[in-house]
Amino acid sequence: MLNAYPDRRAIIATHGFITTGGNRTTFTTRQDAGINSSVQVWEKLIYNNCNIFLVVNGHWHDGELSEAQRTDPNACGKPVHQILTNYQDRADGGQGWLRYYVFDRRTRWKQSPTLRR
């Protein structure tokens, strides 16, 4: 799909990509044939596909520590935003928290506003 529509911007949603420390891992938790670490996914898929601008993932969490983000340039020098969101380990199973994104053609994308209590 990425090669078929190189002029379209793309988002990758995956189970585990960056950790709570904002790092990509070099290992996998499964031993199935063909499973790639997040470093391998970056190198094999994301880095060279210049239409990918956002990668979102869950999986990693440690109590209140359940969000992280990083931005790295792809092969074309464009930023690729990588965002972890996983609230399940927070009080009451995350209290139904959900991250949402607002996309604006003029500014390309915006993160959701912060919850204010």
PDB file of N, CA and C in Angstrom:
ATOM      1  N   MET A   1       0.816  -1.176   0.000  1.00  0.00           N
ATOM      2  CA  MET A   1       0.000   0.000   0.000  1.00  0.00           C
ATOM      3  C   MET A   1       0.872   1.257   0.000  1.00  0.00           C
ATOM      4  N   LEU A   2       1.938   1.232   0.759  1.00  0.00           N
ATOM      5  CA  LEU A   2       2.798   2.410   0.811  1.00  0.00           C
ATOM      6  C   LEU A   2       3.418   2.710  -0.545  1.00  0.00           C
ATOM      7  N   ASN A   3       3.855   1.673  -1.239  1.00  0.00           N
ATOM      8  CA  ASN A   3       4.437   1.866  -2.570  1.00  0.00           C
ATOM      9  C   ASN A   3       3.395   2.227  -3.610  1.00  0.00           C
ATOM     10  N   ALA A   4       2.192   1.723  -3.450  1.00  0.00           N
ATOM     11  CA  ALA A   4       1.125   2.004  -4.409  1.00  0.00           C
ATOM     12  C   ALA A   4       0.637   3.446  -4.325  1.00  0.00           C
ATOM     13  N   TYR A   5       0.762   4.070  -3.153  1.00  0.00           N
ATOM     14  CA  TYR A   5       0.277   5.439  -2.940  1.00  0.00           C
ATOM     15  C   TYR A   5       1.373   6.295  -2.292  1.00  0.00           C
ATOM     16  N   PRO A   6       2.488   6.509  -2.975  1.00  0.00           N
ATOM     17  CA  PRO A   6       3.607   7.241  -2.369  1.00  0.00           C
ATOM     18  C   PRO A   6       3.306   8.707  -2.083  1.00  0.00           C
ATOM     19  N   ASP A   7       2.262   9.251  -2.697  1.00  0.00           N
ATOM     20  CA  ASP A   7       1.912  10.659  -2.478  1.00  0.00           C
ATOM     21  C   ASP A   7       0.965  10.851  -1.288  1.00  0.00           C
ATOM     22  N   ARG A   8       0.534   9.767  -0.667  1.00  0.00           N
ATOM     23  CA  ARG A   8      -0.366   9.844   0.487  1.00  0.00           C
ATOM     24  C   ARG A   8       0.436   9.730   1.775  1.00  0.00           C
ATOM     25  N   ARG A   9       0.022  10.468   2.776  1.00  0.00           N
ATOM     26  CA  ARG A   9       0.669  10.379   4.085  1.00  0.00           C
ATOM     27  C   ARG A   9       0.136   9.161   4.825  1.00  0.00           C
ATOM     28  N   ALA A  10       1.003   8.495   5.580  1.00  0.00           N
ATOM     29  CA  ALA A  10       0.622   7.222   6.200  1.00  0.00           C
ATOM     30  C   ALA A  10       0.906   7.208   7.697  1.00  0.00           C
ATOM     31  N   ILE A  11       0.042   6.489   8.413  1.00  0.00           N
ATOM     32  CA  ILE A  11       0.190   6.250   9.848  1.00  0.00           C
ATOM     33  C   ILE A  11       0.329   4.748  10.049  1.00  0.00           C
ATOM     34  N   ILE A  12       1.292   4.353  10.853  1.00  0.00           N
ATOM     35  CA  ILE A  12       1.472   2.945  11.218  1.00  0.00           C
ATOM     36  C   ILE A  12       0.999   2.773  12.657  1.00  0.00           C
ATOM     37  N   ALA A  13       0.085   1.844  12.883  1.00  0.00           N
ATOM     38  CA  ALA A  13      -0.357   1.492  14.228  1.00  0.00           C
ATOM     39  C   ALA A  13       0.117   0.072  14.495  1.00  0.00           C
ATOM     40  N   THR A  14       0.838  -0.109  15.584  1.00  0.00           N
ATOM     41  CA  THR A  14       1.403  -1.412  15.902  1.00  0.00           C
ATOM     42  C   THR A  14       1.317  -1.643  17.407  1.00  0.00           C
ATOM     43  N   HIS A  15       1.456  -2.879  17.807  1.00  0.00           N
ATOM     44  CA  HIS A  15       1.315  -3.218  19.224  1.00  0.00           C
ATOM     45  C   HIS A  15       2.437  -2.624  20.066  1.00  0.00           C
ATOM     46  N   GLY A  16       3.677  -2.910  19.719  1.00  0.00           N
ATOM     47  CA  GLY A  16       4.807  -2.409  20.488  1.00  0.00           C
ATOM     48  C   GLY A  16       5.841  -1.794  19.573  1.00  0.00           C
ATOM     49  N   PHE A  17       6.227  -0.556  19.830  1.00  0.00           N
ATOM     50  CA  PHE A  17       7.247   0.085  18.994  1.00  0.00           C
ATOM     51  C   PHE A  17       8.253   0.831  19.859  1.00  0.00           C
ATOM     52  N   ILE A  18       7.820   1.909  20.538  1.00  0.00           N
ATOM     53  CA  ILE A  18       8.735   2.557  21.470  1.00  0.00           C
ATOM     54  C   ILE A  18       8.317   2.218  22.901  1.00  0.00           C
ATOM     55  N   THR A  19       9.295   2.193  23.789  1.00  0.00           N
ATOM     56  CA  THR A  19       9.073   1.855  25.195  1.00  0.00           C
ATOM     57  C   THR A  19       8.712   3.110  25.990  1.00  0.00           C
ATOM     58  N   THR A  20       8.463   2.955  27.278  1.00  0.00           N
ATOM     59  CA  THR A  20       8.160   4.107  28.130  1.00  0.00           C
ATOM     60  C   THR A  20       9.344   5.076  28.212  1.00  0.00           C
ATOM     61  N   GLY A  21      10.527   4.612  27.885  1.00  0.00           N
ATOM     62  CA  GLY A  21      11.706   5.477  27.833  1.00  0.00           C
ATOM     63  C   GLY A  21      11.892   6.136  26.476  1.00  0.00           C
ATOM     64  N   GLY A  22      10.974   5.841  25.543  1.00  0.00           N
ATOM     65  CA  GLY A  22      11.056   6.425  24.204  1.00  0.00           C
ATOM     66  C   GLY A  22      12.069   5.747  23.298  1.00  0.00           C
ATOM     67  N   ASN A  23      12.444   4.522  23.648  1.00  0.00           N
ATOM     68  CA  ASN A  23      13.440   3.793  22.851  1.00  0.00           C
ATOM     69  C   ASN A  23      12.795   2.697  22.019  1.00  0.00           C
ATOM     70  N   ARG A  24      13.400   2.404  20.884  1.00  0.00           N
ATOM     71  CA  ARG A  24      13.003   1.238  20.100  1.00  0.00           C
ATOM     72  C   ARG A  24      13.828   0.060  20.598  1.00  0.00           C
ATOM     73  N   THR A  25      13.216  -1.126  20.612  1.00  0.00           N
ATOM     74  CA  THR A  25      13.902  -2.304  21.153  1.00  0.00           C
ATOM     75  C   THR A  25      14.589  -3.107  20.056  1.00  0.00           C
ATOM     76  N   THR A  26      15.614  -3.848  20.451  1.00  0.00           N
ATOM     77  CA  THR A  26      16.322  -4.728  19.525  1.00  0.00           C
ATOM     78  C   THR A  26      15.908  -6.179  19.722  1.00  0.00           C
ATOM     79  N   PHE A  27      14.970  -6.417  20.636  1.00  0.00           N
ATOM     80  CA  PHE A  27      14.532  -7.781  20.926  1.00  0.00           C
ATOM     81  C   PHE A  27      13.028  -7.900  20.703  1.00  0.00           C
ATOM     82  N   THR A  28      12.557  -9.144  20.640  1.00  0.00           N
ATOM     83  CA  THR A  28      11.126  -9.409  20.561  1.00  0.00           C
ATOM     84  C   THR A  28      10.734 -10.283  21.744  1.00  0.00           C
ATOM     85  N   THR A  29       9.487 -10.173  22.155  1.00  0.00           N
ATOM     86  CA  THR A  29       9.016 -11.004  23.261  1.00  0.00           C
ATOM     87  C   THR A  29       8.491 -12.334  22.760  1.00  0.00           C
ATOM     88  N   ARG A  30       8.314 -12.451  21.449  1.00  0.00           N
ATOM     89  CA  ARG A  30       7.863 -13.705  20.840  1.00  0.00           C
ATOM     90  C   ARG A  30       8.995 -14.286  20.009  1.00  0.00           C
ATOM     91  N   GLN A  31       8.961 -15.566  19.842  1.00  0.00           N
ATOM     92  CA  GLN A  31      10.009 -16.242  19.084  1.00  0.00           C
ATOM     93  C   GLN A  31       9.507 -16.786  17.742  1.00  0.00           C
ATOM     94  N   ASP A  32       8.327 -16.344  17.324  1.00  0.00           N
ATOM     95  CA  ASP A  32       7.768 -16.812  16.055  1.00  0.00           C
ATOM     96  C   ASP A  32       8.701 -16.444  14.902  1.00  0.00           C
ATOM     97  N   ALA A  33       8.684 -17.257  13.884  1.00  0.00           N
ATOM     98  CA  ALA A  33       9.461 -16.944  12.687  1.00  0.00           C
ATOM     99  C   ALA A  33       8.909 -15.676  12.048  1.00  0.00           C
ATOM    100  N   GLY A  34       9.787 -14.804  11.637  1.00  0.00           N
ATOM    101  CA  GLY A  34       9.366 -13.594  10.942  1.00  0.00           C
ATOM    102  C   GLY A  34       9.002 -12.420  11.822  1.00  0.00           C
ATOM    103  N   ILE A  35       9.127 -12.556  13.137  1.00  0.00           N
ATOM    104  CA  ILE A  35       8.823 -11.451  14.044  1.00  0.00           C
ATOM    105  C   ILE A  35      10.015 -10.491  14.029  1.00  0.00           C
ATOM    106  N   ASN A  36       9.727  -9.194  13.909  1.00  0.00           N
ATOM    107  CA  ASN A  36      10.772  -8.171  13.873  1.00  0.00           C
ATOM    108  C   ASN A  36      10.742  -7.331  15.146  1.00  0.00           C
ATOM    109  N   SER A  37      11.912  -6.917  15.585  1.00  0.00           N
ATOM    110  CA  SER A  37      11.997  -5.967  16.696  1.00  0.00           C
ATOM    111  C   SER A  37      11.597  -4.591  16.165  1.00  0.00           C
ATOM    112  N   SER A  38      11.383  -3.641  17.061  1.00  0.00           N
ATOM    113  CA  SER A  38      11.011  -2.307  16.596  1.00  0.00           C
ATOM    114  C   SER A  38      12.159  -1.634  15.845  1.00  0.00           C
ATOM    115  N   VAL A  39      13.394  -1.937  16.184  1.00  0.00           N
ATOM    116  CA  VAL A  39      14.537  -1.413  15.423  1.00  0.00           C
ATOM    117  C   VAL A  39      14.482  -1.951  13.989  1.00  0.00           C
ATOM    118  N   GLN A  40      14.185  -3.237  13.840  1.00  0.00           N
ATOM    119  CA  GLN A  40      14.082  -3.825  12.501  1.00  0.00           C
ATOM    120  C   GLN A  40      12.909  -3.240  11.711  1.00  0.00           C
ATOM    121  N   VAL A  41      11.773  -2.993  12.373  1.00  0.00           N
ATOM    122  CA  VAL A  41      10.619  -2.389  11.700  1.00  0.00           C
ATOM    123  C   VAL A  41      10.994  -0.987  11.207  1.00  0.00           C
ATOM    124  N   TRP A  42      11.708  -0.230  12.041  1.00  0.00           N
ATOM    125  CA  TRP A  42      12.172   1.096  11.634  1.00  0.00           C
ATOM    126  C   TRP A  42      13.062   0.975  10.395  1.00  0.00           C
ATOM    127  N   GLU A  43      14.044   0.095  10.460  1.00  0.00           N
ATOM    128  CA  GLU A  43      15.012  -0.039   9.368  1.00  0.00           C
ATOM    129  C   GLU A  43      14.413  -0.605   8.090  1.00  0.00           C
ATOM    130  N   LYS A  44      13.547  -1.611   8.207  1.00  0.00           N
ATOM    131  CA  LYS A  44      13.002  -2.295   7.026  1.00  0.00           C
ATOM    132  C   LYS A  44      11.783  -1.616   6.411  1.00  0.00           C
ATOM    133  N   LEU A  45      10.986  -0.939   7.235  1.00  0.00           N
ATOM    134  CA  LEU A  45       9.719  -0.402   6.754  1.00  0.00           C
ATOM    135  C   LEU A  45       9.619   1.115   6.851  1.00  0.00           C
ATOM    136  N   ILE A  46       9.794   1.638   8.015  1.00  0.00           N
ATOM    137  CA  ILE A  46       9.448   3.038   8.260  1.00  0.00           C
ATOM    138  C   ILE A  46      10.475   4.011   7.695  1.00  0.00           C
ATOM    139  N   TYR A  47      11.737   3.804   7.958  1.00  0.00           N
ATOM    140  CA  TYR A  47      12.783   4.751   7.565  1.00  0.00           C
ATOM    141  C   TYR A  47      12.771   5.060   6.065  1.00  0.00           C
ATOM    142  N   ASN A  48      12.615   4.053   5.246  1.00  0.00           N
ATOM    143  CA  ASN A  48      12.694   4.252   3.789  1.00  0.00           C
ATOM    144  C   ASN A  48      11.378   4.629   3.126  1.00  0.00           C
ATOM    145  N   ASN A  49      10.282   4.601   3.832  1.00  0.00           N
ATOM    146  CA  ASN A  49       8.985   5.001   3.279  1.00  0.00           C
ATOM    147  C   ASN A  49       8.686   6.428   3.730  1.00  0.00           C
ATOM    148  N   CYS A  50       8.987   7.363   2.865  1.00  0.00           N
ATOM    149  CA  CYS A  50       8.944   8.778   3.233  1.00  0.00           C
ATOM    150  C   CYS A  50       7.541   9.330   3.403  1.00  0.00           C
ATOM    151  N   ASN A  51       6.518   8.529   3.131  1.00  0.00           N
ATOM    152  CA  ASN A  51       5.150   8.995   3.349  1.00  0.00           C
ATOM    153  C   ASN A  51       4.644   8.649   4.755  1.00  0.00           C
ATOM    154  N   ILE A  52       5.381   7.866   5.517  1.00  0.00           N
ATOM    155  CA  ILE A  52       4.996   7.574   6.911  1.00  0.00           C
ATOM    156  C   ILE A  52       5.417   8.758   7.777  1.00  0.00           C
ATOM    157  N   PHE A  53       4.448   9.347   8.483  1.00  0.00           N
ATOM    158  CA  PHE A  53       4.763  10.489   9.339  1.00  0.00           C
ATOM    159  C   PHE A  53       4.450  10.232  10.809  1.00  0.00           C
ATOM    160  N   LEU A  54       3.733   9.130  11.102  1.00  0.00           N
ATOM    161  CA  LEU A  54       3.325   8.887  12.481  1.00  0.00           C
ATOM    162  C   LEU A  54       3.275   7.383  12.743  1.00  0.00           C
ATOM    163  N   VAL A  55       3.838   6.977  13.876  1.00  0.00           N
ATOM    164  CA  VAL A  55       3.758   5.593  14.345  1.00  0.00           C
ATOM    165  C   VAL A  55       3.179   5.637  15.753  1.00  0.00           C
ATOM    166  N   VAL A  56       2.086   4.908  15.969  1.00  0.00           N
ATOM    167  CA  VAL A  56       1.471   4.858  17.301  1.00  0.00           C
ATOM    168  C   VAL A  56       1.519   3.423  17.811  1.00  0.00           C
ATOM    169  N   ASN A  57       1.713   3.303  19.115  1.00  0.00           N
ATOM    170  CA  ASN A  57       1.763   1.961  19.706  1.00  0.00           C
ATOM    171  C   ASN A  57       1.303   1.983  21.148  1.00  0.00           C
ATOM    172  N   GLY A  58       1.100   0.785  21.675  1.00  0.00           N
ATOM    173  CA  GLY A  58       0.763   0.556  23.069  1.00  0.00           C
ATOM    174  C   GLY A  58       1.791  -0.392  23.654  1.00  0.00           C
ATOM    175  N   HIS A  59       1.340  -1.426  24.329  1.00  0.00           N
ATOM    176  CA  HIS A  59       2.122  -2.512  24.907  1.00  0.00           C
ATOM    177  C   HIS A  59       2.882  -2.112  26.170  1.00  0.00           C
ATOM    178  N   TRP A  60       3.782  -1.141  26.089  1.00  0.00           N
ATOM    179  CA  TRP A  60       4.663  -0.827  27.203  1.00  0.00           C
ATOM    180  C   TRP A  60       3.951   0.037  28.234  1.00  0.00           C
ATOM    181  N   HIS A  61       4.078  -0.337  29.513  1.00  0.00           N
ATOM    182  CA  HIS A  61       3.503   0.439  30.604  1.00  0.00           C
ATOM    183  C   HIS A  61       4.160   0.047  31.910  1.00  0.00           C
ATOM    184  N   ASP A  62       4.162   0.977  32.854  1.00  0.00           N
ATOM    185  CA  ASP A  62       4.724   0.732  34.172  1.00  0.00           C
ATOM    186  C   ASP A  62       4.068   1.706  35.136  1.00  0.00           C
ATOM    187  N   GLY A  63       2.886   1.350  35.617  1.00  0.00           N
ATOM    188  CA  GLY A  63       2.145   2.233  36.509  1.00  0.00           C
ATOM    189  C   GLY A  63       1.736   3.505  35.785  1.00  0.00           C
ATOM    190  N   GLU A  64       2.075   4.635  36.386  1.00  0.00           N
ATOM    191  CA  GLU A  64       1.744   5.930  35.778  1.00  0.00           C
ATOM    192  C   GLU A  64       2.598   6.225  34.547  1.00  0.00           C
ATOM    193  N   LEU A  65       3.691   5.512  34.412  1.00  0.00           N
ATOM    194  CA  LEU A  65       4.576   5.705  33.265  1.00  0.00           C
ATOM    195  C   LEU A  65       4.023   4.915  32.081  1.00  0.00           C
ATOM    196  N   SER A  66       3.264   5.582  31.241  1.00  0.00           N
ATOM    197  CA  SER A  66       2.586   4.859  30.157  1.00  0.00           C
ATOM    198  C   SER A  66       2.502   5.673  28.878  1.00  0.00           C
ATOM    199  N   GLU A  67       3.319   6.709  28.776  1.00  0.00           N
ATOM    200  CA  GLU A  67       3.353   7.528  27.576  1.00  0.00           C
ATOM    201  C   GLU A  67       4.804   7.852  27.240  1.00  0.00           C
ATOM    202  N   ALA A  68       5.088   7.968  25.967  1.00  0.00           N
ATOM    203  CA  ALA A  68       6.407   8.404  25.519  1.00  0.00           C
ATOM    204  C   ALA A  68       6.280   8.863  24.077  1.00  0.00           C
ATOM    205  N   GLN A  69       7.243   9.651  23.656  1.00  0.00           N
ATOM    206  CA  GLN A  69       7.263  10.036  22.250  1.00  0.00           C
ATOM    207  C   GLN A  69       8.674  10.395  21.831  1.00  0.00           C
ATOM    208  N   ARG A  70       8.909  10.274  20.558  1.00  0.00           N
ATOM    209  CA  ARG A  70      10.177  10.671  19.964  1.00  0.00           C
ATOM    210  C   ARG A  70       9.901  11.014  18.507  1.00  0.00           C
ATOM    211  N   THR A  71      10.789  11.767  17.926  1.00  0.00           N
ATOM    212  CA  THR A  71      10.683  12.122  16.514  1.00  0.00           C
ATOM    213  C   THR A  71      12.058  11.945  15.900  1.00  0.00           C
ATOM    214  N   ASP A  72      12.106  11.213  14.807  1.00  0.00           N
ATOM    215  CA  ASP A  72      13.353  10.980  14.087  1.00  0.00           C
ATOM    216  C   ASP A  72      13.130  11.243  12.609  1.00  0.00           C
ATOM    217  N   PRO A  73      14.158  11.702  11.890  1.00  0.00           N
ATOM    218  CA  PRO A  73      14.003  11.909  10.452  1.00  0.00           C
ATOM    219  C   PRO A  73      14.045  10.583   9.695  1.00  0.00           C
ATOM    220  N   ASN A  74      13.279  10.521   8.604  1.00  0.00           N
ATOM    221  CA  ASN A  74      13.331   9.338   7.744  1.00  0.00           C
ATOM    222  C   ASN A  74      14.395   9.556   6.668  1.00  0.00           C
ATOM    223  N   ALA A  75      14.461   8.675   5.698  1.00  0.00           N
ATOM    224  CA  ALA A  75      15.482   8.752   4.654  1.00  0.00           C
ATOM    225  C   ALA A  75      15.379  10.032   3.831  1.00  0.00           C
ATOM    226  N   CYS A  76      14.214  10.645   3.802  1.00  0.00           N
ATOM    227  CA  CYS A  76      14.008  11.898   3.058  1.00  0.00           C
ATOM    228  C   CYS A  76      14.198  13.124   3.935  1.00  0.00           C
ATOM    229  N   GLY A  77      14.556  12.909   5.207  1.00  0.00           N
ATOM    230  CA  GLY A  77      14.761  14.020   6.121  1.00  0.00           C
ATOM    231  C   GLY A  77      13.486  14.552   6.745  1.00  0.00           C
ATOM    232  N   LYS A  78      12.368  13.892   6.499  1.00  0.00           N
ATOM    233  CA  LYS A  78      11.091  14.316   7.070  1.00  0.00           C
ATOM    234  C   LYS A  78      10.914  13.709   8.458  1.00  0.00           C
ATOM    235  N   PRO A  79      10.251  14.427   9.383  1.00  0.00           N
ATOM    236  CA  PRO A  79      10.062  13.892  10.731  1.00  0.00           C
ATOM    237  C   PRO A  79       9.050  12.747  10.769  1.00  0.00           C
ATOM    238  N   VAL A  80       9.383  11.738  11.551  1.00  0.00           N
ATOM    239  CA  VAL A  80       8.458  10.640  11.831  1.00  0.00           C
ATOM    240  C   VAL A  80       8.211  10.668  13.338  1.00  0.00           C
ATOM    241  N   HIS A  81       6.988  11.001  13.720  1.00  0.00           N
ATOM    242  CA  HIS A  81       6.602  11.070  15.125  1.00  0.00           C
ATOM    243  C   HIS A  81       6.215   9.668  15.587  1.00  0.00           C
ATOM    244  N   GLN A  82       6.747   9.260  16.736  1.00  0.00           N
ATOM    245  CA  GLN A  82       6.484   7.932  17.283  1.00  0.00           C
ATOM    246  C   GLN A  82       5.938   8.122  18.690  1.00  0.00           C
ATOM    247  N   ILE A  83       4.730   7.595  18.929  1.00  0.00           N
ATOM    248  CA  ILE A  83       4.042   7.888  20.185  1.00  0.00           C
ATOM    249  C   ILE A  83       3.506   6.614  20.837  1.00  0.00           C
ATOM    250  N   LEU A  84       3.878   6.423  22.091  1.00  0.00           N
ATOM    251  CA  LEU A  84       3.374   5.325  22.924  1.00  0.00           C
ATOM    252  C   LEU A  84       2.249   5.861  23.795  1.00  0.00           C
ATOM    253  N   THR A  85       1.145   5.138  23.834  1.00  0.00           N
ATOM    254  CA  THR A  85       0.044   5.440  24.737  1.00  0.00           C
ATOM    255  C   THR A  85      -0.494   4.121  25.269  1.00  0.00           C
ATOM    256  N   ASN A  86      -0.465   3.938  26.595  1.00  0.00           N
ATOM    257  CA  ASN A  86      -0.992   2.718  27.194  1.00  0.00           C
ATOM    258  C   ASN A  86      -1.364   3.007  28.641  1.00  0.00           C
ATOM    259  N   TYR A  87      -2.643   3.225  28.905  1.00  0.00           N
ATOM    260  CA  TYR A  87      -3.098   3.636  30.227  1.00  0.00           C
ATOM    261  C   TYR A  87      -3.561   2.478  31.110  1.00  0.00           C
ATOM    262  N   GLN A  88      -3.468   1.234  30.668  1.00  0.00           N
ATOM    263  CA  GLN A  88      -4.078   0.120  31.393  1.00  0.00           C
ATOM    264  C   GLN A  88      -3.515  -0.111  32.789  1.00  0.00           C
ATOM    265  N   ASP A  89      -2.302   0.320  33.060  1.00  0.00           N
ATOM    266  CA  ASP A  89      -1.684   0.086  34.359  1.00  0.00           C
ATOM    267  C   ASP A  89      -1.959   1.224  35.343  1.00  0.00           C
ATOM    268  N   ARG A  90      -2.671   2.253  34.893  1.00  0.00           N
ATOM    269  CA  ARG A  90      -3.010   3.365  35.781  1.00  0.00           C
ATOM    270  C   ARG A  90      -4.199   2.988  36.660  1.00  0.00           C
ATOM    271  N   ALA A  91      -4.517   3.827  37.606  1.00  0.00           N
ATOM    272  CA  ALA A  91      -5.618   3.567  38.544  1.00  0.00           C
ATOM    273  C   ALA A  91      -6.894   3.188  37.814  1.00  0.00           C
ATOM    274  N   ASP A  92      -7.587   2.202  38.338  1.00  0.00           N
ATOM    275  CA  ASP A  92      -8.855   1.726  37.780  1.00  0.00           C
ATOM    276  C   ASP A  92      -8.744   1.326  36.309  1.00  0.00           C
ATOM    277  N   GLY A  93      -7.623   0.736  35.949  1.00  0.00           N
ATOM    278  CA  GLY A  93      -7.445   0.264  34.571  1.00  0.00           C
ATOM    279  C   GLY A  93      -7.345   1.370  33.548  1.00  0.00           C
ATOM    280  N   GLY A  94      -6.943   2.554  33.993  1.00  0.00           N
ATOM    281  CA  GLY A  94      -6.787   3.673  33.083  1.00  0.00           C
ATOM    282  C   GLY A  94      -7.979   4.607  33.050  1.00  0.00           C
ATOM    283  N   GLN A  95      -9.030   4.275  33.771  1.00  0.00           N
ATOM    284  CA  GLN A  95     -10.228   5.103  33.873  1.00  0.00           C
ATOM    285  C   GLN A  95     -10.815   5.491  32.515  1.00  0.00           C
ATOM    286  N   GLY A  96     -10.639   4.638  31.548  1.00  0.00           N
ATOM    287  CA  GLY A  96     -11.213   4.890  30.228  1.00  0.00           C
ATOM    288  C   GLY A  96     -10.481   5.941  29.414  1.00  0.00           C
ATOM    289  N   TRP A  97      -9.271   6.313  29.838  1.00  0.00           N
ATOM    290  CA  TRP A  97      -8.523   7.324  29.094  1.00  0.00           C
ATOM    291  C   TRP A  97      -8.280   6.851  27.673  1.00  0.00           C
ATOM    292  N   LEU A  98      -8.297   7.776  26.765  1.00  0.00           N
ATOM    293  CA  LEU A  98      -8.094   7.499  25.345  1.00  0.00           C
ATOM    294  C   LEU A  98      -7.384   8.685  24.730  1.00  0.00           C
ATOM    295  N   ARG A  99      -6.318   8.465  24.032  1.00  0.00           N
ATOM    296  CA  ARG A  99      -5.639   9.553  23.322  1.00  0.00           C
ATOM    297  C   ARG A  99      -6.273   9.674  21.945  1.00  0.00           C
ATOM    298  N   TYR A 100      -6.526  10.894  21.556  1.00  0.00           N
ATOM    299  CA  TYR A 100      -7.046  11.107  20.210  1.00  0.00           C
ATOM    300  C   TYR A 100      -6.218  12.189  19.543  1.00  0.00           C
ATOM    301  N   TYR A 101      -6.278  12.222  18.237  1.00  0.00           N
ATOM    302  CA  TYR A 101      -5.484  13.154  17.452  1.00  0.00           C
ATOM    303  C   TYR A 101      -6.404  13.983  16.571  1.00  0.00           C
ATOM    304  N   VAL A 102      -6.025  15.227  16.372  1.00  0.00           N
ATOM    305  CA  VAL A 102      -6.732  16.125  15.469  1.00  0.00           C
ATOM    306  C   VAL A 102      -5.774  16.451  14.334  1.00  0.00           C
ATOM    307  N   PHE A 103      -6.210  16.245  13.112  1.00  0.00           N
ATOM    308  CA  PHE A 103      -5.369  16.512  11.955  1.00  0.00           C
ATOM    309  C   PHE A 103      -5.859  17.772  11.260  1.00  0.00           C
ATOM    310  N   ASP A 104      -4.941  18.633  10.930  1.00  0.00           N
ATOM    311  CA  ASP A 104      -5.240  19.911  10.302  1.00  0.00           C
ATOM    312  C   ASP A 104      -4.388  20.019   9.035  1.00  0.00           C
ATOM    313  N   ARG A 105      -5.015  20.211   7.889  1.00  0.00           N
ATOM    314  CA  ARG A 105      -4.276  20.270   6.625  1.00  0.00           C
ATOM    315  C   ARG A 105      -3.208  21.361   6.619  1.00  0.00           C
ATOM    316  N   ARG A 106      -3.448  22.453   7.332  1.00  0.00           N
ATOM    317  CA  ARG A 106      -2.477  23.554   7.339  1.00  0.00           C
ATOM    318  C   ARG A 106      -1.247  23.227   8.170  1.00  0.00           C
ATOM    319  N   THR A 107      -1.442  22.602   9.332  1.00  0.00           N
ATOM    320  CA  THR A 107      -0.314  22.312  10.217  1.00  0.00           C
ATOM    321  C   THR A 107       0.077  20.838  10.190  1.00  0.00           C
ATOM    322  N   ARG A 108      -0.596  20.062   9.369  1.00  0.00           N
ATOM    323  CA  ARG A 108      -0.330  18.632   9.164  1.00  0.00           C
ATOM    324  C   ARG A 108      -0.906  17.740  10.250  1.00  0.00           C
ATOM    325  N   TRP A 109      -0.601  17.978  11.523  1.00  0.00           N
ATOM    326  CA  TRP A 109      -1.198  17.167  12.580  1.00  0.00           C
ATOM    327  C   TRP A 109      -1.009  17.871  13.910  1.00  0.00           C
ATOM    328  N   LYS A 110      -1.843  17.542  14.842  1.00  0.00           N
ATOM    329  CA  LYS A 110      -1.756  18.078  16.194  1.00  0.00           C
ATOM    330  C   LYS A 110      -2.033  16.946  17.165  1.00  0.00           C
ATOM    331  N   GLN A 111      -1.343  16.965  18.285  1.00  0.00           N
ATOM    332  CA  GLN A 111      -1.647  16.009  19.333  1.00  0.00           C
ATOM    333  C   GLN A 111      -2.876  16.477  20.095  1.00  0.00           C
ATOM    334  N   SER A 112      -3.516  15.563  20.757  1.00  0.00           N
ATOM    335  CA  SER A 112      -4.715  15.926  21.521  1.00  0.00           C
ATOM    336  C   SER A 112      -4.345  16.830  22.692  1.00  0.00           C
ATOM    337  N   PRO A 113      -5.289  17.631  23.139  1.00  0.00           N
ATOM    338  CA  PRO A 113      -5.023  18.492  24.294  1.00  0.00           C
ATOM    339  C   PRO A 113      -4.834  17.672  25.565  1.00  0.00           C
ATOM    340  N   THR A 114      -4.194  18.250  26.539  1.00  0.00           N
ATOM    341  CA  THR A 114      -3.944  17.585  27.819  1.00  0.00           C
ATOM    342  C   THR A 114      -5.203  17.615  28.689  1.00  0.00           C
ATOM    343  N   LEU A 115      -5.463  16.511  29.349  1.00  0.00           N
ATOM    344  CA  LEU A 115      -6.576  16.459  30.288  1.00  0.00           C
ATOM    345  C   LEU A 115      -6.295  17.393  31.448  1.00  0.00           C
ATOM    346  N   ARG A 116      -7.244  18.259  31.772  1.00  0.00           N
ATOM    347  CA  ARG A 116      -7.059  19.208  32.875  1.00  0.00           C
ATOM    348  C   ARG A 116      -8.034  18.859  33.999  1.00  0.00           C
ATOM    349  N   ARG A 117      -7.505  18.676  35.200  1.00  0.00           N
ATOM    350  CA  ARG A 117      -8.367  18.385  36.352  1.00  0.00           C
ATOM    351  C   ARG A 117      -8.235  19.506  37.349  1.00  0.00           C
TER     352      ARG A 117
END
